[in-house]
Amino acid sequence: MTKNGSRIEVPEARRALDRFKTEVAGSMNISLENGYNGDITARDAGRIGGQMVRRMIEFAENNMQK
């Protein structure tokens, strides 16, 4: 388990989530580097996470309708 209590059940998903996070951040004009990104603000980190959740929910809803 990680420090914050969340864990990724499928190890291969970690790379996909990292790519997704980078894609979302790029669309918001927030620069992320591989590894440590402690230089971004908590506000920007929250915006990235929130946008990731919105996109995942939208994806799930669209696929449930089919």
PDB file of N, CA and C in Angstrom:
ATOM      1  N   MET A   1       0.845  -1.167   0.000  1.00  0.00           N
ATOM      2  CA  MET A   1       0.000   0.000   0.000  1.00  0.00           C
ATOM      3  C   MET A   1       0.899   1.241   0.000  1.00  0.00           C
ATOM      4  N   THR A   2       0.453   2.271  -0.664  1.00  0.00           N
ATOM      5  CA  THR A   2       1.226   3.506  -0.728  1.00  0.00           C
ATOM      6  C   THR A   2       0.971   4.368   0.499  1.00  0.00           C
ATOM      7  N   LYS A   3       1.714   5.441   0.601  1.00  0.00           N
ATOM      8  CA  LYS A   3       1.620   6.329   1.760  1.00  0.00           C
ATOM      9  C   LYS A   3       0.213   6.867   1.985  1.00  0.00           C
ATOM     10  N   ASN A   4      -0.482   7.206   0.881  1.00  0.00           N
ATOM     11  CA  ASN A   4      -1.786   7.845   1.044  1.00  0.00           C
ATOM     12  C   ASN A   4      -2.938   6.848   1.133  1.00  0.00           C
ATOM     13  N   GLY A   5      -2.635   5.560   1.145  1.00  0.00           N
ATOM     14  CA  GLY A   5      -3.676   4.569   1.327  1.00  0.00           C
ATOM     15  C   GLY A   5      -4.270   4.046   0.037  1.00  0.00           C
ATOM     16  N   SER A   6      -3.917   4.625  -1.094  1.00  0.00           N
ATOM     17  CA  SER A   6      -4.439   4.128  -2.363  1.00  0.00           C
ATOM     18  C   SER A   6      -3.418   3.175  -2.972  1.00  0.00           C
ATOM     19  N   ARG A   7      -3.895   2.293  -3.785  1.00  0.00           N
ATOM     20  CA  ARG A   7      -2.983   1.384  -4.467  1.00  0.00           C
ATOM     21  C   ARG A   7      -3.550   1.040  -5.824  1.00  0.00           C
ATOM     22  N   ILE A   8      -2.672   0.673  -6.719  1.00  0.00           N
ATOM     23  CA  ILE A   8      -3.074   0.275  -8.054  1.00  0.00           C
ATOM     24  C   ILE A   8      -3.082  -1.248  -8.088  1.00  0.00           C
ATOM     25  N   GLU A   9      -4.231  -1.828  -8.340  1.00  0.00           N
ATOM     26  CA  GLU A   9      -4.385  -3.275  -8.303  1.00  0.00           C
ATOM     27  C   GLU A   9      -3.673  -3.971  -9.456  1.00  0.00           C
ATOM     28  N   VAL A  10      -3.608  -3.322 -10.608  1.00  0.00           N
ATOM     29  CA  VAL A  10      -2.968  -3.904 -11.782  1.00  0.00           C
ATOM     30  C   VAL A  10      -1.662  -3.140 -12.022  1.00  0.00           C
ATOM     31  N   PRO A  11      -0.514  -3.786 -11.795  1.00  0.00           N
ATOM     32  CA  PRO A  11       0.762  -3.063 -11.920  1.00  0.00           C
ATOM     33  C   PRO A  11       0.973  -2.394 -13.275  1.00  0.00           C
ATOM     34  N   GLU A  12       0.484  -2.985 -14.340  1.00  0.00           N
ATOM     35  CA  GLU A  12       0.647  -2.408 -15.671  1.00  0.00           C
ATOM     36  C   GLU A  12      -0.123  -1.107 -15.825  1.00  0.00           C
ATOM     37  N   ALA A  13      -1.099  -0.889 -14.971  1.00  0.00           N
ATOM     38  CA  ALA A  13      -1.928   0.315 -15.055  1.00  0.00           C
ATOM     39  C   ALA A  13      -1.161   1.563 -14.626  1.00  0.00           C
ATOM     40  N   ARG A  14      -0.106   1.398 -13.847  1.00  0.00           N
ATOM     41  CA  ARG A  14       0.645   2.561 -13.358  1.00  0.00           C
ATOM     42  C   ARG A  14       1.177   3.405 -14.510  1.00  0.00           C
ATOM     43  N   ARG A  15       1.768   2.758 -15.518  1.00  0.00           N
ATOM     44  CA  ARG A  15       2.289   3.511 -16.668  1.00  0.00           C
ATOM     45  C   ARG A  15       1.171   4.203 -17.436  1.00  0.00           C
ATOM     46  N   ALA A  16       0.053   3.513 -17.603  1.00  0.00           N
ATOM     47  CA  ALA A  16      -1.077   4.107 -18.316  1.00  0.00           C
ATOM     48  C   ALA A  16      -1.615   5.317 -17.556  1.00  0.00           C
ATOM     49  N   LEU A  17      -1.715   5.213 -16.242  1.00  0.00           N
ATOM     50  CA  LEU A  17      -2.198   6.341 -15.442  1.00  0.00           C
ATOM     51  C   LEU A  17      -1.213   7.503 -15.479  1.00  0.00           C
ATOM     52  N   ASP A  18       0.084   7.198 -15.481  1.00  0.00           N
ATOM     53  CA  ASP A  18       1.084   8.266 -15.588  1.00  0.00           C
ATOM     54  C   ASP A  18       0.982   8.986 -16.927  1.00  0.00           C
ATOM     55  N   ARG A  19       0.783   8.219 -18.006  1.00  0.00           N
ATOM     56  CA  ARG A  19       0.613   8.848 -19.331  1.00  0.00           C
ATOM     57  C   ARG A  19      -0.651   9.686 -19.369  1.00  0.00           C
ATOM     58  N   PHE A  20      -1.723   9.164 -18.785  1.00  0.00           N
ATOM     59  CA  PHE A  20      -2.996   9.884 -18.736  1.00  0.00           C
ATOM     60  C   PHE A  20      -2.845  11.181 -17.950  1.00  0.00           C
ATOM     61  N   LYS A  21      -2.147  11.113 -16.813  1.00  0.00           N
ATOM     62  CA  LYS A  21      -1.923  12.302 -15.990  1.00  0.00           C
ATOM     63  C   LYS A  21      -1.135  13.353 -16.770  1.00  0.00           C
ATOM     64  N   THR A  22      -0.101  12.904 -17.485  1.00  0.00           N
ATOM     65  CA  THR A  22       0.706  13.829 -18.283  1.00  0.00           C
ATOM     66  C   THR A  22      -0.127  14.445 -19.402  1.00  0.00           C
ATOM     67  N   GLU A  23      -0.977  13.643 -20.024  1.00  0.00           N
ATOM     68  CA  GLU A  23      -1.849  14.145 -21.090  1.00  0.00           C
ATOM     69  C   GLU A  23      -2.817  15.201 -20.553  1.00  0.00           C
ATOM     70  N   VAL A  24      -3.433  14.916 -19.416  1.00  0.00           N
ATOM     71  CA  VAL A  24      -4.382  15.856 -18.813  1.00  0.00           C
ATOM     72  C   VAL A  24      -3.662  17.146 -18.427  1.00  0.00           C
ATOM     73  N   ALA A  25      -2.509  17.017 -17.789  1.00  0.00           N
ATOM     74  CA  ALA A  25      -1.741  18.199 -17.380  1.00  0.00           C
ATOM     75  C   ALA A  25      -1.353  19.028 -18.601  1.00  0.00           C
ATOM     76  N   GLY A  26      -0.925  18.375 -19.673  1.00  0.00           N
ATOM     77  CA  GLY A  26      -0.560  19.093 -20.895  1.00  0.00           C
ATOM     78  C   GLY A  26      -1.729  19.859 -21.482  1.00  0.00           C
ATOM     79  N   SER A  27      -2.922  19.264 -21.425  1.00  0.00           N
ATOM     80  CA  SER A  27      -4.098  19.947 -21.964  1.00  0.00           C
ATOM     81  C   SER A  27      -4.471  21.168 -21.119  1.00  0.00           C
ATOM     82  N   MET A  28      -3.965  21.191 -19.864  1.00  0.00           N
ATOM     83  CA  MET A  28      -4.239  22.310 -18.965  1.00  0.00           C
ATOM     84  C   MET A  28      -3.049  23.268 -18.897  1.00  0.00           C
ATOM     85  N   ASN A  29      -2.072  23.067 -19.764  1.00  0.00           N
ATOM     86  CA  ASN A  29      -0.852  23.889 -19.812  1.00  0.00           C
ATOM     87  C   ASN A  29      -0.071  23.860 -18.495  1.00  0.00           C
ATOM     88  N   ILE A  30      -0.043  22.692 -17.862  1.00  0.00           N
ATOM     89  CA  ILE A  30       0.740  22.472 -16.653  1.00  0.00           C
ATOM     90  C   ILE A  30       1.843  21.486 -17.016  1.00  0.00           C
ATOM     91  N   SER A  31       3.074  21.860 -16.766  1.00  0.00           N
ATOM     92  CA  SER A  31       4.212  21.032 -17.146  1.00  0.00           C
ATOM     93  C   SER A  31       4.517  20.009 -16.057  1.00  0.00           C
ATOM     94  N   LEU A  32       4.506  18.724 -16.428  1.00  0.00           N
ATOM     95  CA  LEU A  32       4.886  17.654 -15.509  1.00  0.00           C
ATOM     96  C   LEU A  32       6.130  16.967 -16.056  1.00  0.00           C
ATOM     97  N   GLU A  33       7.019  16.599 -15.166  1.00  0.00           N
ATOM     98  CA  GLU A  33       8.224  15.854 -15.514  1.00  0.00           C
ATOM     99  C   GLU A  33       8.056  14.419 -15.030  1.00  0.00           C
ATOM    100  N   ASN A  34       8.852  13.508 -15.569  1.00  0.00           N
ATOM    101  CA  ASN A  34       8.861  12.143 -15.049  1.00  0.00           C
ATOM    102  C   ASN A  34       9.444  12.172 -13.649  1.00  0.00           C
ATOM    103  N   GLY A  35       8.818  11.481 -12.731  1.00  0.00           N
ATOM    104  CA  GLY A  35       9.315  11.449 -11.365  1.00  0.00           C
ATOM    105  C   GLY A  35       8.683  12.516 -10.495  1.00  0.00           C
ATOM    106  N   TYR A  36       9.511  13.178  -9.725  1.00  0.00           N
ATOM    107  CA  TYR A  36       9.066  14.135  -8.714  1.00  0.00           C
ATOM    108  C   TYR A  36       8.583  15.434  -9.348  1.00  0.00           C
ATOM    109  N   ASN A  37       7.414  15.898  -8.926  1.00  0.00           N
ATOM    110  CA  ASN A  37       6.839  17.145  -9.419  1.00  0.00           C
ATOM    111  C   ASN A  37       6.431  18.044  -8.257  1.00  0.00           C
ATOM    112  N   GLY A  38       7.280  18.132  -7.256  1.00  0.00           N
ATOM    113  CA  GLY A  38       6.979  18.912  -6.074  1.00  0.00           C
ATOM    114  C   GLY A  38       6.966  20.406  -6.295  1.00  0.00           C
ATOM    115  N   ASP A  39       7.361  20.823  -7.489  1.00  0.00           N
ATOM    116  CA  ASP A  39       7.388  22.253  -7.760  1.00  0.00           C
ATOM    117  C   ASP A  39       6.045  22.799  -8.240  1.00  0.00           C
ATOM    118  N   ILE A  40       5.059  21.918  -8.511  1.00  0.00           N
ATOM    119  CA  ILE A  40       3.751  22.431  -8.921  1.00  0.00           C
ATOM    120  C   ILE A  40       2.937  22.740  -7.672  1.00  0.00           C
ATOM    121  N   THR A  41       1.995  23.627  -7.817  1.00  0.00           N
ATOM    122  CA  THR A  41       1.184  24.027  -6.663  1.00  0.00           C
ATOM    123  C   THR A  41       0.165  22.944  -6.318  1.00  0.00           C
ATOM    124  N   ALA A  42      -0.282  22.942  -5.087  1.00  0.00           N
ATOM    125  CA  ALA A  42      -1.314  22.003  -4.655  1.00  0.00           C
ATOM    126  C   ALA A  42      -2.597  22.235  -5.462  1.00  0.00           C
ATOM    127  N   ARG A  43      -2.849  23.477  -5.777  1.00  0.00           N
ATOM    128  CA  ARG A  43      -4.039  23.806  -6.566  1.00  0.00           C
ATOM    129  C   ARG A  43      -3.974  23.146  -7.938  1.00  0.00           C
ATOM    130  N   ASP A  44      -2.812  23.246  -8.611  1.00  0.00           N
ATOM    131  CA  ASP A  44      -2.662  22.626  -9.928  1.00  0.00           C
ATOM    132  C   ASP A  44      -2.741  21.108  -9.838  1.00  0.00           C
ATOM    133  N   ALA A  45      -2.132  20.528  -8.802  1.00  0.00           N
ATOM    134  CA  ALA A  45      -2.198  19.076  -8.620  1.00  0.00           C
ATOM    135  C   ALA A  45      -3.653  18.637  -8.450  1.00  0.00           C
ATOM    136  N   GLY A  46      -4.413  19.383  -7.691  1.00  0.00           N
ATOM    137  CA  GLY A  46      -5.827  19.072  -7.506  1.00  0.00           C
ATOM    138  C   GLY A  46      -6.627  19.221  -8.779  1.00  0.00           C
ATOM    139  N   ARG A  47      -6.299  20.238  -9.554  1.00  0.00           N
ATOM    140  CA  ARG A  47      -6.994  20.434 -10.835  1.00  0.00           C
ATOM    141  C   ARG A  47      -6.724  19.262 -11.776  1.00  0.00           C
ATOM    142  N   ILE A  48      -5.479  18.784 -11.794  1.00  0.00           N
ATOM    143  CA  ILE A  48      -5.136  17.645 -12.650  1.00  0.00           C
ATOM    144  C   ILE A  48      -5.922  16.421 -12.215  1.00  0.00           C
ATOM    145  N   GLY A  49      -5.916  16.122 -10.907  1.00  0.00           N
ATOM    146  CA  GLY A  49      -6.641  14.962 -10.403  1.00  0.00           C
ATOM    147  C   GLY A  49      -8.133  15.054 -10.662  1.00  0.00           C
ATOM    148  N   GLY A  50      -8.700  16.223 -10.459  1.00  0.00           N
ATOM    149  CA  GLY A  50     -10.129  16.411 -10.711  1.00  0.00           C
ATOM    150  C   GLY A  50     -10.491  16.211 -12.165  1.00  0.00           C
ATOM    151  N   GLN A  51      -9.657  16.720 -13.044  1.00  0.00           N
ATOM    152  CA  GLN A  51      -9.909  16.564 -14.477  1.00  0.00           C
ATOM    153  C   GLN A  51      -9.769  15.095 -14.894  1.00  0.00           C
ATOM    154  N   MET A  52      -8.816  14.378 -14.280  1.00  0.00           N
ATOM    155  CA  MET A  52      -8.667  12.950 -14.570  1.00  0.00           C
ATOM    156  C   MET A  52      -9.935  12.195 -14.186  1.00  0.00           C
ATOM    157  N   VAL A  53     -10.465  12.499 -13.005  1.00  0.00           N
ATOM    158  CA  VAL A  53     -11.680  11.825 -12.543  1.00  0.00           C
ATOM    159  C   VAL A  53     -12.849  12.153 -13.470  1.00  0.00           C
ATOM    160  N   ARG A  54     -12.999  13.421 -13.846  1.00  0.00           N
ATOM    161  CA  ARG A  54     -14.086  13.798 -14.762  1.00  0.00           C
ATOM    162  C   ARG A  54     -14.006  13.018 -16.068  1.00  0.00           C
ATOM    163  N   ARG A  55     -12.803  12.921 -16.621  1.00  0.00           N
ATOM    164  CA  ARG A  55     -12.640  12.207 -17.897  1.00  0.00           C
ATOM    165  C   ARG A  55     -12.900  10.715 -17.751  1.00  0.00           C
ATOM    166  N   MET A  56     -12.488  10.131 -16.629  1.00  0.00           N
ATOM    167  CA  MET A  56     -12.747   8.696 -16.418  1.00  0.00           C
ATOM    168  C   MET A  56     -14.239   8.432 -16.262  1.00  0.00           C
ATOM    169  N   ILE A  57     -14.943   9.304 -15.547  1.00  0.00           N
ATOM    170  CA  ILE A  57     -16.387   9.142 -15.386  1.00  0.00           C
ATOM    171  C   ILE A  57     -17.084   9.294 -16.729  1.00  0.00           C
ATOM    172  N   GLU A  58     -16.683  10.292 -17.500  1.00  0.00           N
ATOM    173  CA  GLU A  58     -17.278  10.497 -18.822  1.00  0.00           C
ATOM    174  C   GLU A  58     -17.054   9.276 -19.706  1.00  0.00           C
ATOM    175  N   PHE A  59     -15.850   8.722 -19.681  1.00  0.00           N
ATOM    176  CA  PHE A  59     -15.537   7.538 -20.465  1.00  0.00           C
ATOM    177  C   PHE A  59     -16.424   6.363 -20.050  1.00  0.00           C
ATOM    178  N   ALA A  60     -16.556   6.151 -18.723  1.00  0.00           N
ATOM    179  CA  ALA A  60     -17.384   5.058 -18.223  1.00  0.00           C
ATOM    180  C   ALA A  60     -18.849   5.239 -18.614  1.00  0.00           C
ATOM    181  N   GLU A  61     -19.370   6.453 -18.487  1.00  0.00           N
ATOM    182  CA  GLU A  61     -20.759   6.707 -18.852  1.00  0.00           C
ATOM    183  C   GLU A  61     -21.003   6.461 -20.330  1.00  0.00           C
ATOM    184  N   ASN A  62     -20.091   6.894 -21.165  1.00  0.00           N
ATOM    185  CA  ASN A  62     -20.245   6.706 -22.605  1.00  0.00           C
ATOM    186  C   ASN A  62     -20.212   5.232 -22.983  1.00  0.00           C
ATOM    187  N   ASN A  63     -19.394   4.442 -22.290  1.00  0.00           N
ATOM    188  CA  ASN A  63     -19.293   3.024 -22.602  1.00  0.00           C
ATOM    189  C   ASN A  63     -20.444   2.218 -22.002  1.00  0.00           C
ATOM    190  N   MET A  64     -21.094   2.733 -20.975  1.00  0.00           N
ATOM    191  CA  MET A  64     -22.245   2.036 -20.392  1.00  0.00           C
ATOM    192  C   MET A  64     -23.457   2.162 -21.308  1.00  0.00           C
ATOM    193  N   GLN A  65     -23.535   3.217 -22.072  1.00  0.00           N
ATOM    194  CA  GLN A  65     -24.673   3.460 -22.948  1.00  0.00           C
ATOM    195  C   GLN A  65     -24.649   2.540 -24.153  1.00  0.00           C
ATOM    196  N   LYS A  66     -23.497   2.013 -24.496  1.00  0.00           N
ATOM    197  CA  LYS A  66     -23.384   1.177 -25.695  1.00  0.00           C
ATOM    198  C   LYS A  66     -23.807  -0.227 -25.460  1.00  0.00           C
TER     199      LYS A  66
END
